[in-house]
Amino acid sequence: MSPDPNEDRLLDHNYDGIQEYDNPMPRWWLWLFLATIVFSVLYALNVPGVGTGKGRIANYERDMAAARAKQGATTAAVSLGDEELVAMSQDAARLADGKQTFTTQCVACHRADGGGSIGPNLTDGFWIHGAEPTDVLQTVSSGVIDKGMPAWSQILTPEQVSAVVAYVLTLRGTHPPDPKPAQGIPVEASAAGSGAGAARETSP
């Protein structure tokens, strides 16, 4: 009778009537475990070629530089003044760009004519977050998260944000059919309509 191979794995260790049996891990698992240890050492030493890019520190610096550049561009867009936005609302090329962005991104909530559906009416004299051109720019840039409006500065370029704001200014007082009921606070034409007045005679 051939010897039982399992007998060789019985260890000279007995506890409470149970004899210990040597059951080693599979060889492939051990090699995989050793490979993860080697990788972790190389990763910690920031060896280029391990993973993607030029090492984790270089990747981090690259991502941070991109984030700083994006933040700087966003800040530049938000820093535009009322006069600059009003001037954009008289620029046919910027208005065309703004209308395209509005049609692509905004009509689902504000309708193509700005009359409002899920979002508020952009054509009447009532404004929830301020009616000055810079107020509109801030609202578009930062969003209104509790109302479901995203921070468009994180999605669109600064040029797209400023152009769509310029286009929104021209929607004031256009009186589309069947608009959404007024929301927010009424604003006098002299205070709120300056952005649209140069491009179109409106009441804000």
N, C-alpha and C. Protein backbone atom coordinates (compact mmCIF):
# COMPACT_ATOMS: atom_id res chain seq x y z
N MET A 1 0.86 -1.20 0.00
CA MET A 1 0.00 0.00 0.00
C MET A 1 0.89 1.24 0.00
N SER A 2 0.55 2.18 -0.92
CA SER A 2 1.35 3.41 -1.00
C SER A 2 1.06 4.28 0.19
N PRO A 3 2.05 5.04 0.62
CA PRO A 3 1.84 5.91 1.80
C PRO A 3 0.84 7.02 1.49
N ASP A 4 0.09 7.41 2.46
CA ASP A 4 -0.88 8.50 2.32
C ASP A 4 -0.14 9.83 2.33
N PRO A 5 -0.21 10.62 1.21
CA PRO A 5 0.54 11.90 1.18
C PRO A 5 0.08 12.87 2.25
N ASN A 6 -1.18 12.71 2.67
CA ASN A 6 -1.67 13.61 3.69
C ASN A 6 -0.99 13.40 5.04
N GLU A 7 -0.42 12.21 5.22
CA GLU A 7 0.24 11.95 6.48
C GLU A 7 1.42 12.89 6.68
N ASP A 8 2.09 13.26 5.55
CA ASP A 8 3.24 14.15 5.66
C ASP A 8 2.86 15.55 6.12
N ARG A 9 1.59 15.91 5.99
CA ARG A 9 1.15 17.25 6.35
C ARG A 9 0.58 17.32 7.77
N LEU A 10 0.50 16.21 8.41
CA LEU A 10 0.06 16.21 9.79
C LEU A 10 1.20 16.69 10.68
N LEU A 11 0.97 17.74 11.41
CA LEU A 11 2.01 18.32 12.25
C LEU A 11 1.94 17.73 13.66
N ASP A 12 3.07 17.77 14.30
CA ASP A 12 3.15 17.23 15.66
C ASP A 12 2.61 18.26 16.65
N HIS A 13 1.34 18.60 16.44
CA HIS A 13 0.69 19.58 17.31
C HIS A 13 -0.75 19.14 17.51
N ASN A 14 -1.11 18.91 18.71
CA ASN A 14 -2.45 18.40 19.03
C ASN A 14 -3.04 19.28 20.11
N TYR A 15 -4.25 19.73 19.82
CA TYR A 15 -4.93 20.58 20.79
C TYR A 15 -6.36 20.09 20.98
N ASP A 16 -6.68 19.71 22.18
CA ASP A 16 -8.02 19.26 22.53
C ASP A 16 -8.49 18.14 21.62
N GLY A 17 -7.56 17.23 21.31
CA GLY A 17 -7.89 16.08 20.50
C GLY A 17 -7.89 16.34 19.01
N ILE A 18 -7.54 17.56 18.60
CA ILE A 18 -7.52 17.90 17.17
C ILE A 18 -6.07 18.08 16.75
N GLN A 19 -5.66 17.34 15.76
CA GLN A 19 -4.28 17.42 15.29
C GLN A 19 -4.18 18.42 14.14
N GLU A 20 -3.16 19.28 14.19
CA GLU A 20 -3.00 20.34 13.20
C GLU A 20 -2.56 19.75 11.86
N TYR A 21 -3.13 20.35 10.79
CA TYR A 21 -2.83 19.89 9.43
C TYR A 21 -2.24 21.05 8.65
N ASP A 22 -1.11 20.83 8.01
CA ASP A 22 -0.44 21.87 7.23
C ASP A 22 -1.12 22.01 5.87
N ASN A 23 -1.79 23.17 5.67
CA ASN A 23 -2.51 23.40 4.41
C ASN A 23 -2.01 24.72 3.82
N PRO A 24 -0.88 24.70 3.13
CA PRO A 24 -0.28 25.95 2.63
C PRO A 24 -1.15 26.63 1.59
N MET A 25 -0.95 27.97 1.44
CA MET A 25 -1.67 28.73 0.42
C MET A 25 -1.23 28.27 -0.97
N PRO A 26 -2.11 28.41 -1.98
CA PRO A 26 -1.72 28.06 -3.36
C PRO A 26 -0.51 28.87 -3.81
N ARG A 27 0.32 28.28 -4.63
CA ARG A 27 1.54 28.93 -5.07
C ARG A 27 1.25 30.24 -5.82
N TRP A 28 0.19 30.26 -6.67
CA TRP A 28 -0.13 31.46 -7.42
C TRP A 28 -0.51 32.61 -6.49
N TRP A 29 -1.16 32.28 -5.38
CA TRP A 29 -1.57 33.33 -4.43
C TRP A 29 -0.34 33.93 -3.76
N LEU A 30 0.63 33.08 -3.41
CA LEU A 30 1.84 33.57 -2.78
C LEU A 30 2.62 34.49 -3.72
N TRP A 31 2.73 34.11 -5.01
CA TRP A 31 3.43 34.96 -5.97
C TRP A 31 2.71 36.30 -6.14
N LEU A 32 1.38 36.26 -6.17
CA LEU A 32 0.61 37.50 -6.30
C LEU A 32 0.81 38.39 -5.08
N PHE A 33 0.85 37.79 -3.92
CA PHE A 33 1.07 38.54 -2.69
C PHE A 33 2.44 39.21 -2.70
N LEU A 34 3.45 38.47 -3.11
CA LEU A 34 4.80 39.03 -3.19
C LEU A 34 4.87 40.16 -4.22
N ALA A 35 4.14 40.01 -5.34
CA ALA A 35 4.13 41.05 -6.37
C ALA A 35 3.52 42.34 -5.84
N THR A 36 2.46 42.24 -5.03
CA THR A 36 1.85 43.46 -4.46
C THR A 36 2.82 44.15 -3.51
N ILE A 37 3.62 43.38 -2.79
CA ILE A 37 4.60 43.98 -1.89
C ILE A 37 5.65 44.75 -2.69
N VAL A 38 6.14 44.13 -3.76
CA VAL A 38 7.14 44.80 -4.60
C VAL A 38 6.57 46.07 -5.21
N PHE A 39 5.34 45.99 -5.70
CA PHE A 39 4.71 47.16 -6.32
C PHE A 39 4.55 48.28 -5.30
N SER A 40 4.13 47.95 -4.07
CA SER A 40 3.92 48.98 -3.06
C SER A 40 5.22 49.69 -2.71
N VAL A 41 6.34 48.94 -2.69
CA VAL A 41 7.64 49.56 -2.41
C VAL A 41 8.02 50.52 -3.54
N LEU A 42 7.86 50.08 -4.79
CA LEU A 42 8.19 50.94 -5.94
C LEU A 42 7.29 52.16 -5.98
N TYR A 43 6.01 51.98 -5.65
CA TYR A 43 5.06 53.09 -5.65
C TYR A 43 5.43 54.11 -4.57
N ALA A 44 5.79 53.62 -3.39
CA ALA A 44 6.16 54.52 -2.30
C ALA A 44 7.43 55.29 -2.62
N LEU A 45 8.34 54.69 -3.38
CA LEU A 45 9.58 55.36 -3.76
C LEU A 45 9.40 56.26 -4.97
N ASN A 46 8.16 56.31 -5.52
CA ASN A 46 7.83 57.17 -6.65
C ASN A 46 8.69 56.85 -7.86
N VAL A 47 8.82 55.57 -8.17
CA VAL A 47 9.62 55.15 -9.32
C VAL A 47 8.84 55.40 -10.60
N PRO A 48 9.36 56.21 -11.54
CA PRO A 48 8.64 56.46 -12.80
C PRO A 48 8.41 55.15 -13.55
N GLY A 49 7.27 55.07 -14.18
CA GLY A 49 6.93 53.88 -14.93
C GLY A 49 6.06 52.91 -14.16
N VAL A 50 5.97 53.10 -12.85
CA VAL A 50 5.08 52.25 -12.05
C VAL A 50 3.71 52.91 -12.05
N GLY A 51 2.75 52.24 -12.62
CA GLY A 51 1.45 52.87 -12.81
C GLY A 51 1.47 53.69 -14.08
N THR A 52 0.78 54.83 -14.07
CA THR A 52 0.71 55.69 -15.25
C THR A 52 1.46 56.98 -14.99
N GLY A 53 1.89 57.62 -16.05
CA GLY A 53 2.55 58.91 -15.93
C GLY A 53 3.98 58.80 -15.45
N LYS A 54 4.47 59.87 -14.82
CA LYS A 54 5.87 59.96 -14.40
C LYS A 54 6.02 59.74 -12.90
N GLY A 55 5.14 58.96 -12.31
CA GLY A 55 5.20 58.74 -10.88
C GLY A 55 4.07 59.47 -10.19
N ARG A 56 3.72 59.02 -9.00
CA ARG A 56 2.53 59.56 -8.33
C ARG A 56 2.70 61.02 -7.95
N ILE A 57 3.91 61.45 -7.57
CA ILE A 57 4.11 62.84 -7.19
C ILE A 57 3.97 63.75 -8.41
N ALA A 58 4.55 63.32 -9.53
CA ALA A 58 4.42 64.10 -10.77
C ALA A 58 2.97 64.17 -11.21
N ASN A 59 2.24 63.06 -11.07
CA ASN A 59 0.82 63.06 -11.43
C ASN A 59 0.02 64.00 -10.53
N TYR A 60 0.35 64.01 -9.24
CA TYR A 60 -0.33 64.90 -8.31
C TYR A 60 -0.08 66.37 -8.67
N GLU A 61 1.18 66.71 -8.93
CA GLU A 61 1.50 68.09 -9.29
C GLU A 61 0.81 68.49 -10.58
N ARG A 62 0.73 67.58 -11.55
CA ARG A 62 0.05 67.88 -12.81
C ARG A 62 -1.43 68.16 -12.57
N ASP A 63 -2.07 67.32 -11.76
CA ASP A 63 -3.50 67.50 -11.48
C ASP A 63 -3.75 68.80 -10.71
N MET A 64 -2.87 69.12 -9.78
CA MET A 64 -3.03 70.36 -9.01
C MET A 64 -2.85 71.57 -9.90
N ALA A 65 -1.90 71.52 -10.83
CA ALA A 65 -1.69 72.64 -11.75
C ALA A 65 -2.92 72.85 -12.63
N ALA A 66 -3.50 71.75 -13.10
CA ALA A 66 -4.71 71.85 -13.92
C ALA A 66 -5.86 72.44 -13.11
N ALA A 67 -5.98 72.03 -11.85
CA ALA A 67 -7.05 72.56 -11.00
C ALA A 67 -6.86 74.05 -10.73
N ARG A 68 -5.60 74.46 -10.50
CA ARG A 68 -5.34 75.89 -10.27
C ARG A 68 -5.64 76.72 -11.51
N ALA A 69 -5.30 76.18 -12.67
CA ALA A 69 -5.58 76.90 -13.91
C ALA A 69 -7.08 77.05 -14.13
N LYS A 70 -7.81 75.98 -13.85
CA LYS A 70 -9.27 76.02 -14.01
C LYS A 70 -9.89 76.99 -13.03
N GLN A 71 -9.41 76.97 -11.78
CA GLN A 71 -9.94 77.88 -10.77
C GLN A 71 -9.64 79.32 -11.13
N GLY A 72 -8.43 79.56 -11.67
CA GLY A 72 -8.07 80.92 -12.06
C GLY A 72 -8.95 81.43 -13.19
N ALA A 73 -9.24 80.55 -14.15
CA ALA A 73 -10.11 80.95 -15.26
C ALA A 73 -11.52 81.24 -14.77
N THR A 74 -12.00 80.42 -13.84
CA THR A 74 -13.34 80.64 -13.28
C THR A 74 -13.40 81.96 -12.53
N THR A 75 -12.37 82.24 -11.73
CA THR A 75 -12.33 83.49 -10.98
C THR A 75 -12.32 84.69 -11.92
N ALA A 76 -11.59 84.56 -13.03
CA ALA A 76 -11.54 85.66 -14.00
C ALA A 76 -12.92 85.92 -14.60
N ALA A 77 -13.66 84.84 -14.86
CA ALA A 77 -15.00 85.01 -15.43
C ALA A 77 -15.94 85.67 -14.44
N VAL A 78 -15.87 85.24 -13.17
CA VAL A 78 -16.76 85.79 -12.15
C VAL A 78 -16.41 87.24 -11.85
N SER A 79 -15.16 87.65 -12.09
CA SER A 79 -14.74 89.00 -11.77
C SER A 79 -15.18 90.03 -12.81
N LEU A 80 -15.82 89.61 -13.88
CA LEU A 80 -16.32 90.56 -14.87
C LEU A 80 -17.33 91.50 -14.22
N GLY A 81 -17.32 92.77 -14.65
CA GLY A 81 -18.22 93.76 -14.09
C GLY A 81 -19.49 93.92 -14.91
N ASP A 82 -20.42 94.71 -14.38
CA ASP A 82 -21.69 94.95 -15.07
C ASP A 82 -21.47 95.54 -16.46
N GLU A 83 -20.58 96.52 -16.55
CA GLU A 83 -20.38 97.19 -17.84
C GLU A 83 -19.84 96.22 -18.89
N GLU A 84 -18.93 95.35 -18.47
CA GLU A 84 -18.38 94.39 -19.42
C GLU A 84 -19.46 93.42 -19.90
N LEU A 85 -20.32 92.98 -18.99
CA LEU A 85 -21.39 92.06 -19.37
C LEU A 85 -22.41 92.75 -20.27
N VAL A 86 -22.70 94.01 -19.97
CA VAL A 86 -23.61 94.77 -20.83
C VAL A 86 -23.03 94.90 -22.23
N ALA A 87 -21.73 95.17 -22.32
CA ALA A 87 -21.08 95.28 -23.62
C ALA A 87 -21.18 93.95 -24.38
N MET A 88 -21.02 92.86 -23.68
CA MET A 88 -21.16 91.55 -24.32
C MET A 88 -22.57 91.33 -24.85
N SER A 89 -23.56 91.89 -24.13
CA SER A 89 -24.94 91.71 -24.57
C SER A 89 -25.24 92.49 -25.85
N GLN A 90 -24.31 93.33 -26.29
CA GLN A 90 -24.46 94.07 -27.54
C GLN A 90 -23.56 93.53 -28.65
N ASP A 91 -22.82 92.48 -28.32
CA ASP A 91 -21.88 91.88 -29.27
C ASP A 91 -22.56 90.70 -29.95
N ALA A 92 -22.81 90.83 -31.24
CA ALA A 92 -23.57 89.80 -31.96
C ALA A 92 -22.88 88.44 -31.88
N ALA A 93 -21.56 88.43 -31.98
CA ALA A 93 -20.83 87.16 -31.96
C ALA A 93 -20.96 86.49 -30.60
N ARG A 94 -20.81 87.27 -29.52
CA ARG A 94 -20.93 86.69 -28.19
C ARG A 94 -22.36 86.23 -27.92
N LEU A 95 -23.32 86.99 -28.42
CA LEU A 95 -24.72 86.59 -28.24
C LEU A 95 -25.02 85.29 -28.98
N ALA A 96 -24.45 85.11 -30.15
CA ALA A 96 -24.65 83.87 -30.89
C ALA A 96 -24.07 82.68 -30.13
N ASP A 97 -22.89 82.89 -29.54
CA ASP A 97 -22.29 81.83 -28.72
C ASP A 97 -23.15 81.55 -27.49
N GLY A 98 -23.62 82.62 -26.86
CA GLY A 98 -24.46 82.45 -25.67
C GLY A 98 -25.76 81.75 -25.98
N LYS A 99 -26.37 82.09 -27.11
CA LYS A 99 -27.62 81.44 -27.48
C LYS A 99 -27.41 79.95 -27.74
N GLN A 100 -26.29 79.62 -28.38
CA GLN A 100 -26.00 78.21 -28.63
C GLN A 100 -25.84 77.44 -27.33
N THR A 101 -25.11 78.02 -26.38
CA THR A 101 -24.94 77.37 -25.08
C THR A 101 -26.27 77.28 -24.34
N PHE A 102 -27.05 78.35 -24.39
CA PHE A 102 -28.37 78.35 -23.74
C PHE A 102 -29.25 77.26 -24.34
N THR A 103 -29.24 77.15 -25.65
CA THR A 103 -30.06 76.14 -26.33
C THR A 103 -29.63 74.73 -25.96
N THR A 104 -28.35 74.54 -25.79
CA THR A 104 -27.82 73.21 -25.48
C THR A 104 -28.02 72.84 -24.02
N GLN A 105 -27.80 73.80 -23.12
CA GLN A 105 -27.72 73.47 -21.70
C GLN A 105 -28.91 73.96 -20.86
N CYS A 106 -29.60 75.00 -21.28
CA CYS A 106 -30.52 75.70 -20.38
C CYS A 106 -32.00 75.53 -20.71
N VAL A 107 -32.32 75.15 -21.95
CA VAL A 107 -33.73 75.15 -22.35
C VAL A 107 -34.55 74.11 -21.60
N ALA A 108 -33.92 73.05 -21.10
CA ALA A 108 -34.67 72.02 -20.39
C ALA A 108 -35.34 72.58 -19.15
N CYS A 109 -34.72 73.58 -18.53
CA CYS A 109 -35.27 74.16 -17.30
C CYS A 109 -35.89 75.53 -17.52
N HIS A 110 -35.44 76.28 -18.53
CA HIS A 110 -35.90 77.66 -18.72
C HIS A 110 -36.67 77.88 -20.01
N ARG A 111 -36.81 76.83 -20.83
CA ARG A 111 -37.47 76.92 -22.14
C ARG A 111 -36.62 77.70 -23.13
N ALA A 112 -36.85 77.45 -24.39
CA ALA A 112 -36.06 78.10 -25.44
C ALA A 112 -36.27 79.61 -25.45
N ASP A 113 -37.46 80.07 -25.04
CA ASP A 113 -37.74 81.50 -25.04
C ASP A 113 -37.47 82.15 -23.68
N GLY A 114 -36.95 81.36 -22.72
CA GLY A 114 -36.64 81.89 -21.40
C GLY A 114 -37.83 82.01 -20.49
N GLY A 115 -39.00 81.52 -20.93
CA GLY A 115 -40.21 81.70 -20.15
C GLY A 115 -40.30 80.86 -18.89
N GLY A 116 -39.40 79.88 -18.73
CA GLY A 116 -39.36 79.10 -17.49
C GLY A 116 -40.22 77.86 -17.52
N SER A 117 -39.71 76.78 -16.96
CA SER A 117 -40.49 75.55 -16.76
C SER A 117 -40.11 74.99 -15.41
N ILE A 118 -39.08 74.14 -15.36
CA ILE A 118 -38.56 73.71 -14.05
C ILE A 118 -37.86 74.89 -13.37
N GLY A 119 -37.08 75.61 -14.15
CA GLY A 119 -36.40 76.79 -13.64
C GLY A 119 -37.28 78.02 -13.77
N PRO A 120 -36.87 79.14 -13.19
CA PRO A 120 -37.70 80.35 -13.21
C PRO A 120 -37.75 81.03 -14.57
N ASN A 121 -38.73 81.89 -14.70
CA ASN A 121 -38.90 82.73 -15.88
C ASN A 121 -37.76 83.76 -15.90
N LEU A 122 -37.06 83.85 -17.01
CA LEU A 122 -35.94 84.78 -17.14
C LEU A 122 -36.33 86.07 -17.87
N THR A 123 -37.61 86.21 -18.18
CA THR A 123 -38.01 87.35 -19.00
C THR A 123 -38.82 88.39 -18.24
N ASP A 124 -39.23 88.08 -17.01
CA ASP A 124 -40.09 89.03 -16.30
C ASP A 124 -39.29 89.94 -15.39
N GLY A 125 -39.96 90.67 -14.51
CA GLY A 125 -39.30 91.63 -13.64
C GLY A 125 -39.09 91.11 -12.24
N PHE A 126 -39.09 89.79 -12.06
CA PHE A 126 -38.89 89.21 -10.74
C PHE A 126 -37.65 88.33 -10.76
N TRP A 127 -36.77 88.53 -9.76
CA TRP A 127 -35.51 87.81 -9.73
C TRP A 127 -35.27 87.24 -8.35
N ILE A 128 -34.86 85.99 -8.30
CA ILE A 128 -34.68 85.29 -7.04
C ILE A 128 -33.32 85.58 -6.42
N HIS A 129 -32.29 85.61 -7.25
CA HIS A 129 -30.92 85.74 -6.74
C HIS A 129 -30.25 87.03 -7.21
N GLY A 130 -31.04 88.04 -7.54
CA GLY A 130 -30.48 89.31 -7.97
C GLY A 130 -30.52 89.47 -9.48
N ALA A 131 -30.81 90.67 -9.93
CA ALA A 131 -31.02 90.91 -11.36
C ALA A 131 -29.90 91.69 -12.02
N GLU A 132 -28.93 92.19 -11.25
CA GLU A 132 -27.80 92.86 -11.88
C GLU A 132 -27.03 91.85 -12.74
N PRO A 133 -26.41 92.30 -13.82
CA PRO A 133 -25.63 91.37 -14.65
C PRO A 133 -24.63 90.54 -13.85
N THR A 134 -23.97 91.17 -12.89
CA THR A 134 -23.01 90.40 -12.08
C THR A 134 -23.72 89.40 -11.18
N ASP A 135 -24.94 89.70 -10.75
CA ASP A 135 -25.71 88.74 -9.97
C ASP A 135 -26.03 87.50 -10.81
N VAL A 136 -26.43 87.75 -12.04
CA VAL A 136 -26.75 86.64 -12.94
C VAL A 136 -25.49 85.81 -13.20
N LEU A 137 -24.37 86.48 -13.40
CA LEU A 137 -23.11 85.79 -13.63
C LEU A 137 -22.75 84.90 -12.43
N GLN A 138 -22.92 85.44 -11.23
CA GLN A 138 -22.61 84.67 -10.03
C GLN A 138 -23.52 83.46 -9.90
N THR A 139 -24.79 83.64 -10.21
CA THR A 139 -25.76 82.54 -10.12
C THR A 139 -25.42 81.44 -11.11
N VAL A 140 -25.12 81.83 -12.34
CA VAL A 140 -24.77 80.84 -13.35
C VAL A 140 -23.48 80.13 -12.99
N SER A 141 -22.50 80.89 -12.51
CA SER A 141 -21.19 80.31 -12.20
C SER A 141 -21.26 79.35 -11.03
N SER A 142 -21.92 79.78 -9.95
CA SER A 142 -21.93 78.98 -8.71
C SER A 142 -23.08 78.00 -8.65
N GLY A 143 -24.13 78.22 -9.45
CA GLY A 143 -25.27 77.32 -9.43
C GLY A 143 -26.16 77.56 -8.22
N VAL A 144 -27.26 76.84 -8.19
CA VAL A 144 -28.18 76.85 -7.05
C VAL A 144 -28.47 75.38 -6.76
N ILE A 145 -27.61 74.78 -5.98
CA ILE A 145 -27.63 73.33 -5.81
C ILE A 145 -28.95 72.85 -5.24
N ASP A 146 -29.50 73.58 -4.25
CA ASP A 146 -30.75 73.11 -3.64
C ASP A 146 -31.93 73.17 -4.60
N LYS A 147 -31.79 73.90 -5.70
CA LYS A 147 -32.84 73.95 -6.72
C LYS A 147 -32.52 73.08 -7.94
N GLY A 148 -31.39 72.40 -7.89
CA GLY A 148 -31.03 71.51 -8.98
C GLY A 148 -30.24 72.15 -10.10
N MET A 149 -29.84 73.42 -9.92
CA MET A 149 -29.05 74.09 -10.95
C MET A 149 -27.57 73.88 -10.65
N PRO A 150 -26.81 73.27 -11.55
CA PRO A 150 -25.40 73.00 -11.28
C PRO A 150 -24.56 74.27 -11.36
N ALA A 151 -23.36 74.18 -10.82
CA ALA A 151 -22.38 75.27 -10.96
C ALA A 151 -21.80 75.16 -12.36
N TRP A 152 -22.28 76.00 -13.27
CA TRP A 152 -21.89 75.86 -14.68
C TRP A 152 -20.43 76.20 -14.91
N SER A 153 -19.80 76.91 -13.97
CA SER A 153 -18.37 77.20 -14.13
C SER A 153 -17.53 75.93 -14.05
N GLN A 154 -18.10 74.86 -13.48
CA GLN A 154 -17.40 73.59 -13.41
C GLN A 154 -17.64 72.73 -14.65
N ILE A 155 -18.53 73.18 -15.52
CA ILE A 155 -18.89 72.41 -16.70
C ILE A 155 -18.53 73.15 -17.99
N LEU A 156 -18.82 74.43 -18.02
CA LEU A 156 -18.57 75.25 -19.20
C LEU A 156 -17.27 76.03 -19.05
N THR A 157 -16.76 76.52 -20.17
CA THR A 157 -15.58 77.38 -20.12
C THR A 157 -16.01 78.78 -19.64
N PRO A 158 -15.07 79.57 -19.13
CA PRO A 158 -15.42 80.94 -18.72
C PRO A 158 -16.05 81.75 -19.85
N GLU A 159 -15.58 81.54 -21.08
CA GLU A 159 -16.15 82.26 -22.23
C GLU A 159 -17.61 81.86 -22.45
N GLN A 160 -17.91 80.57 -22.29
CA GLN A 160 -19.29 80.12 -22.46
C GLN A 160 -20.19 80.67 -21.36
N VAL A 161 -19.67 80.71 -20.13
CA VAL A 161 -20.47 81.24 -19.01
C VAL A 161 -20.80 82.70 -19.24
N SER A 162 -19.81 83.51 -19.56
CA SER A 162 -20.06 84.94 -19.76
C SER A 162 -20.96 85.18 -20.97
N ALA A 163 -20.80 84.38 -22.03
CA ALA A 163 -21.63 84.56 -23.22
C ALA A 163 -23.09 84.21 -22.93
N VAL A 164 -23.32 83.15 -22.17
CA VAL A 164 -24.71 82.76 -21.89
C VAL A 164 -25.36 83.77 -20.96
N VAL A 165 -24.58 84.37 -20.06
CA VAL A 165 -25.13 85.43 -19.21
C VAL A 165 -25.51 86.63 -20.07
N ALA A 166 -24.65 87.00 -21.02
CA ALA A 166 -24.97 88.12 -21.91
C ALA A 166 -26.25 87.84 -22.68
N TYR A 167 -26.43 86.60 -23.10
CA TYR A 167 -27.65 86.25 -23.83
C TYR A 167 -28.87 86.32 -22.93
N VAL A 168 -28.74 85.87 -21.69
CA VAL A 168 -29.87 85.92 -20.76
C VAL A 168 -30.31 87.36 -20.53
N LEU A 169 -29.35 88.28 -20.50
CA LEU A 169 -29.72 89.69 -20.31
C LEU A 169 -30.65 90.18 -21.41
N THR A 170 -30.51 89.66 -22.61
CA THR A 170 -31.36 90.12 -23.72
C THR A 170 -32.76 89.51 -23.66
N LEU A 171 -32.98 88.53 -22.79
CA LEU A 171 -34.30 87.90 -22.70
C LEU A 171 -35.27 88.70 -21.83
N ARG A 172 -34.75 89.63 -21.04
CA ARG A 172 -35.60 90.37 -20.12
C ARG A 172 -36.63 91.21 -20.88
N GLY A 173 -37.86 91.08 -20.45
CA GLY A 173 -38.93 91.88 -21.04
C GLY A 173 -39.38 91.44 -22.42
N THR A 174 -39.05 90.22 -22.83
CA THR A 174 -39.45 89.76 -24.16
C THR A 174 -40.86 89.20 -24.20
N HIS A 175 -41.47 88.94 -23.05
CA HIS A 175 -42.88 88.53 -22.95
C HIS A 175 -43.22 87.32 -23.82
N PRO A 176 -42.64 86.16 -23.53
CA PRO A 176 -42.99 84.96 -24.29
C PRO A 176 -44.40 84.49 -23.95
N PRO A 177 -45.03 83.70 -24.80
CA PRO A 177 -46.38 83.21 -24.50
C PRO A 177 -46.37 82.23 -23.34
N ASP A 178 -47.38 82.30 -22.50
CA ASP A 178 -47.59 81.36 -21.40
C ASP A 178 -46.34 81.22 -20.53
N PRO A 179 -45.84 82.31 -19.97
CA PRO A 179 -44.63 82.21 -19.14
C PRO A 179 -44.95 81.60 -17.78
N LYS A 180 -43.93 81.17 -17.11
CA LYS A 180 -44.08 80.66 -15.75
C LYS A 180 -44.42 81.82 -14.81
N PRO A 181 -45.27 81.60 -13.80
CA PRO A 181 -45.60 82.69 -12.87
C PRO A 181 -44.36 83.27 -12.21
N ALA A 182 -44.47 84.53 -11.84
CA ALA A 182 -43.33 85.25 -11.27
C ALA A 182 -42.85 84.60 -9.98
N GLN A 183 -41.54 84.63 -9.80
CA GLN A 183 -40.91 84.14 -8.59
C GLN A 183 -39.87 85.15 -8.13
N GLY A 184 -39.69 85.29 -6.83
CA GLY A 184 -38.66 86.17 -6.33
C GLY A 184 -39.16 87.57 -6.05
N ILE A 185 -38.26 88.53 -6.15
CA ILE A 185 -38.53 89.92 -5.76
C ILE A 185 -38.58 90.80 -7.00
N PRO A 186 -39.60 91.67 -7.12
CA PRO A 186 -39.64 92.57 -8.28
C PRO A 186 -38.50 93.58 -8.22
N VAL A 187 -37.95 93.89 -9.38
CA VAL A 187 -36.81 94.79 -9.46
C VAL A 187 -37.17 95.94 -10.39
N GLU A 188 -36.84 97.15 -9.97
CA GLU A 188 -37.12 98.32 -10.81
C GLU A 188 -36.29 98.26 -12.08
N ALA A 189 -36.84 98.81 -13.17
CA ALA A 189 -36.16 98.78 -14.46
C ALA A 189 -34.81 99.48 -14.40
N SER A 190 -34.73 100.54 -13.63
CA SER A 190 -33.47 101.28 -13.58
C SER A 190 -32.37 100.47 -12.91
N ALA A 191 -32.74 99.54 -12.03
CA ALA A 191 -31.74 98.76 -11.31
C ALA A 191 -31.43 97.45 -12.00
N ALA A 192 -32.48 96.82 -12.54
CA ALA A 192 -32.29 95.48 -13.06
C ALA A 192 -32.22 95.40 -14.56
N GLY A 193 -32.70 96.41 -15.25
CA GLY A 193 -32.79 96.28 -16.69
C GLY A 193 -31.67 96.90 -17.47
N SER A 194 -30.65 97.41 -16.76
CA SER A 194 -29.58 98.09 -17.50
C SER A 194 -28.86 97.19 -18.45
N GLY A 195 -28.71 95.90 -18.08
CA GLY A 195 -28.00 94.99 -18.97
C GLY A 195 -28.74 94.75 -20.25
N ALA A 196 -30.06 94.67 -20.18
CA ALA A 196 -30.81 94.38 -21.38
C ALA A 196 -31.17 95.63 -22.16
N GLY A 197 -31.17 96.78 -21.46
CA GLY A 197 -31.67 97.99 -22.12
C GLY A 197 -30.89 98.39 -23.33
N ALA A 198 -29.57 98.16 -23.29
CA ALA A 198 -28.75 98.57 -24.42
C ALA A 198 -28.96 97.66 -25.62
N ALA A 199 -29.32 96.40 -25.34
CA ALA A 199 -29.49 95.47 -26.44
C ALA A 199 -30.92 95.44 -26.92
N ARG A 200 -31.86 95.74 -25.98
CA ARG A 200 -33.27 95.67 -26.35
C ARG A 200 -34.06 96.46 -25.32
N GLU A 201 -35.04 97.25 -25.74
CA GLU A 201 -35.82 98.02 -24.79
C GLU A 201 -36.72 97.07 -24.03
N THR A 202 -36.51 96.96 -22.71
CA THR A 202 -37.24 95.99 -21.89
C THR A 202 -37.61 96.58 -20.57
N SER A 203 -38.48 95.84 -19.88
CA SER A 203 -38.62 96.00 -18.45
C SER A 203 -38.03 94.75 -17.84
N PRO A 204 -37.25 94.81 -16.76
CA PRO A 204 -36.43 93.70 -16.33
C PRO A 204 -37.23 92.49 -15.92
